[in-house]
N, C-alpha and C. Protein backbone atom coordinates (compact mmCIF):
# COMPACT_ATOMS: atom_id res chain seq x y z
N MET A 1 0.66 -1.19 0.16
CA MET A 1 0.04 -0.12 0.04
C MET A 1 1.10 1.50 0.27
N ILE A 2 0.51 1.92 -0.92
CA ILE A 2 1.13 3.57 -0.68
C ILE A 2 0.68 4.48 -0.48
N GLN A 3 0.96 5.48 0.20
CA GLN A 3 0.12 6.95 1.05
C GLN A 3 0.73 7.94 0.36
N VAL A 4 -0.02 8.86 -0.08
CA VAL A 4 0.68 10.14 -0.55
C VAL A 4 -0.22 11.38 0.32
N LYS A 5 0.54 12.21 0.58
CA LYS A 5 0.03 13.22 1.11
C LYS A 5 -0.36 14.36 -0.11
N THR A 6 -1.33 15.14 -0.50
CA THR A 6 -1.50 15.95 -1.60
C THR A 6 -2.16 17.13 -0.87
N SER A 7 -2.52 18.05 -2.11
CA SER A 7 -2.77 19.33 -1.82
C SER A 7 -4.17 19.36 -2.56
N ALA A 8 -4.86 18.15 -2.89
CA ALA A 8 -6.15 18.48 -3.15
C ALA A 8 -7.02 19.18 -2.50
N LYS A 9 -8.15 19.58 -2.93
CA LYS A 9 -9.33 19.88 -2.05
C LYS A 9 -10.73 19.85 -2.21
N CYS A 10 -10.76 19.45 -3.56
CA CYS A 10 -12.42 19.21 -3.89
C CYS A 10 -12.63 18.15 -4.98
N ALA A 11 -13.74 18.03 -5.28
CA ALA A 11 -13.92 16.67 -6.08
C ALA A 11 -13.29 16.68 -7.42
N GLY A 12 -13.28 18.32 -8.01
CA GLY A 12 -12.47 18.16 -9.30
C GLY A 12 -11.05 18.26 -9.22
N CYS A 13 -10.58 18.54 -7.94
CA CYS A 13 -9.11 17.91 -7.66
C CYS A 13 -9.20 16.39 -8.15
N VAL A 14 -9.82 15.77 -7.27
CA VAL A 14 -9.77 14.14 -7.26
C VAL A 14 -9.81 13.90 -8.70
N ALA A 15 -10.75 14.51 -9.52
CA ALA A 15 -10.96 13.92 -10.94
C ALA A 15 -9.88 14.06 -11.60
N LYS A 16 -8.99 15.54 -11.41
CA LYS A 16 -7.53 15.78 -12.20
C LYS A 16 -6.61 14.93 -11.76
N ILE A 17 -6.27 14.43 -10.69
CA ILE A 17 -5.46 13.49 -10.12
C ILE A 17 -5.76 11.87 -10.87
N GLY A 18 -7.17 12.07 -10.65
CA GLY A 18 -7.52 10.54 -11.24
C GLY A 18 -7.19 10.53 -12.61
N GLU A 19 -7.38 11.39 -13.57
CA GLU A 19 -6.82 11.51 -15.08
C GLU A 19 -5.83 10.50 -15.20
N GLN A 20 -4.60 11.23 -14.33
CA GLN A 20 -3.44 10.82 -14.18
C GLN A 20 -3.22 9.42 -14.02
N LEU A 21 -3.78 9.19 -12.96
CA LEU A 21 -3.64 7.77 -11.90
C LEU A 21 -4.38 6.57 -13.17
N ASN A 22 -5.28 6.93 -13.71
CA ASN A 22 -6.00 5.79 -14.25
C ASN A 22 -5.57 5.54 -15.69
N GLN A 23 -4.42 6.14 -16.28
CA GLN A 23 -3.37 5.68 -16.85
C GLN A 23 -2.58 4.37 -16.75
N PHE A 24 -2.26 4.28 -15.39
CA PHE A 24 -1.78 3.04 -14.89
C PHE A 24 -2.24 2.30 -13.86
N LEU A 25 -3.22 2.72 -13.41
CA LEU A 25 -4.06 1.80 -12.49
C LEU A 25 -5.67 1.88 -12.69
N THR A 26 -6.70 1.20 -12.21
CA THR A 26 -7.98 1.03 -12.14
C THR A 26 -8.68 1.80 -11.31
N PRO A 27 -9.65 2.47 -11.36
CA PRO A 27 -9.93 3.23 -10.11
C PRO A 27 -10.40 2.63 -8.97
N ASP A 28 -10.55 1.28 -8.94
CA ASP A 28 -10.69 0.40 -7.70
C ASP A 28 -9.50 0.31 -6.89
N GLN A 29 -8.34 0.69 -7.43
CA GLN A 29 -7.27 0.54 -7.08
C GLN A 29 -6.29 1.83 -6.04
N TRP A 30 -7.28 2.92 -6.11
CA TRP A 30 -6.84 4.35 -5.46
C TRP A 30 -7.87 4.74 -4.88
N SER A 31 -7.88 5.47 -3.63
CA SER A 31 -8.73 6.47 -3.28
C SER A 31 -8.13 7.77 -2.78
N LEU A 32 -9.03 8.57 -2.67
CA LEU A 32 -8.38 10.17 -2.27
C LEU A 32 -9.52 10.47 -1.03
N ASP A 33 -8.84 10.68 0.20
CA ASP A 33 -9.70 11.12 1.37
C ASP A 33 -9.42 12.41 1.34
N LEU A 34 -10.36 13.22 1.32
CA LEU A 34 -10.30 14.69 1.28
C LEU A 34 -10.66 14.98 2.69
N SER A 35 -11.33 14.35 3.56
CA SER A 35 -11.68 14.81 4.75
C SER A 35 -10.67 14.56 6.16
N THR A 36 -9.17 14.02 5.37
CA THR A 36 -8.30 14.04 6.37
C THR A 36 -7.30 15.39 6.09
N PRO A 37 -6.54 15.69 7.41
CA PRO A 37 -5.76 16.94 7.25
C PRO A 37 -4.70 16.68 5.78
N ASP A 38 -4.13 15.55 5.78
CA ASP A 38 -3.03 15.34 4.46
C ASP A 38 -3.96 15.27 3.30
N LYS A 39 -4.96 15.42 3.14
CA LYS A 39 -5.72 14.89 1.82
C LYS A 39 -5.12 13.32 1.26
N LEU A 40 -5.07 12.32 1.79
CA LEU A 40 -4.43 11.34 1.62
C LEU A 40 -4.99 10.52 0.32
N LEU A 41 -4.03 10.18 -0.36
CA LEU A 41 -4.08 9.32 -1.58
C LEU A 41 -3.72 7.96 -0.73
N THR A 42 -4.44 7.22 -1.08
CA THR A 42 -4.03 5.67 -0.85
C THR A 42 -3.98 4.80 -2.11
N VAL A 43 -3.27 4.14 -2.55
CA VAL A 43 -2.90 3.08 -3.78
C VAL A 43 -2.75 1.88 -3.11
N ASN A 44 -3.42 0.61 -3.72
CA ASN A 44 -3.24 -0.70 -3.38
C ASN A 44 -3.26 -1.11 -4.82
N ALA A 45 -2.03 -1.10 -4.98
CA ALA A 45 -1.14 -1.62 -6.26
C ALA A 45 0.13 -2.01 -6.06
N ASP A 46 0.63 -2.85 -7.06
CA ASP A 46 2.17 -2.84 -7.33
C ASP A 46 2.86 -2.03 -8.28
N VAL A 47 3.03 -0.63 -7.77
CA VAL A 47 3.32 -0.09 -8.66
C VAL A 47 4.39 0.78 -7.75
N PRO A 48 5.79 1.40 -8.43
CA PRO A 48 6.65 2.16 -8.01
C PRO A 48 5.82 3.23 -7.22
N ALA A 49 6.01 3.51 -5.97
CA ALA A 49 5.67 4.87 -4.93
C ALA A 49 6.02 6.22 -6.10
N GLU A 50 7.02 6.45 -6.37
CA GLU A 50 7.60 7.49 -7.18
C GLU A 50 6.85 7.88 -8.02
N ARG A 51 6.26 6.59 -9.09
CA ARG A 51 5.18 7.10 -10.15
C ARG A 51 4.26 7.45 -9.90
N VAL A 52 3.55 6.97 -8.74
CA VAL A 52 2.28 7.64 -8.13
C VAL A 52 2.25 9.11 -7.88
N VAL A 53 3.67 9.64 -7.23
CA VAL A 53 3.59 10.94 -6.68
C VAL A 53 4.11 11.59 -8.10
N ASP A 54 4.70 11.02 -9.12
CA ASP A 54 4.71 11.85 -10.22
C ASP A 54 3.47 11.91 -10.78
N ALA A 55 2.63 11.12 -10.87
CA ALA A 55 1.23 11.28 -11.29
C ALA A 55 0.51 12.36 -10.54
N VAL A 56 0.76 12.28 -9.49
CA VAL A 56 -0.14 13.52 -8.73
C VAL A 56 0.59 14.98 -9.11
N ARG A 57 1.81 15.11 -9.41
CA ARG A 57 2.49 16.33 -9.47
C ARG A 57 2.22 16.50 -11.10
N ALA A 58 2.06 15.56 -11.97
CA ALA A 58 1.82 15.90 -13.09
C ALA A 58 0.29 16.64 -13.46
N ALA A 59 -0.59 16.20 -12.35
CA ALA A 59 -2.03 16.66 -12.29
C ALA A 59 -1.83 18.30 -11.87
N GLY A 60 -0.84 18.45 -11.23
CA GLY A 60 -0.53 19.73 -10.94
C GLY A 60 -0.79 19.96 -9.36
N PHE A 61 -0.52 19.03 -8.64
CA PHE A 61 -0.73 19.05 -7.27
C PHE A 61 0.49 18.68 -6.62
N LYS A 62 0.46 19.18 -5.45
CA LYS A 62 1.81 18.62 -4.40
C LYS A 62 1.51 17.03 -3.86
N ALA A 63 2.67 16.44 -3.85
CA ALA A 63 2.51 14.97 -3.64
C ALA A 63 3.93 14.91 -2.60
N GLU A 64 3.64 14.34 -1.57
CA GLU A 64 4.42 13.54 -0.76
C GLU A 64 4.24 12.49 0.07
N LEU A 65 5.20 11.29 -0.08
CA LEU A 65 5.14 10.31 0.90
C LEU A 65 4.68 10.26 1.88
N ARG A 66 3.96 9.47 2.48
CA ARG A 66 3.61 9.46 3.88
C ARG A 66 4.53 8.32 4.47
């Protein structure tokens, strides 16, 4: 499991991040919890953590491994 702190704020942010993640993950492999202070993205897949971080950054958001 990979957890990434993000700067996402709304459903539109989640959609933008999802566009990037869905290029190499299926929608059921990740979730983004906007109710946590860290806006935590959780990925349950066998992919490099750095690839997930890069995808969030490519969508225009801050990303930091937790």
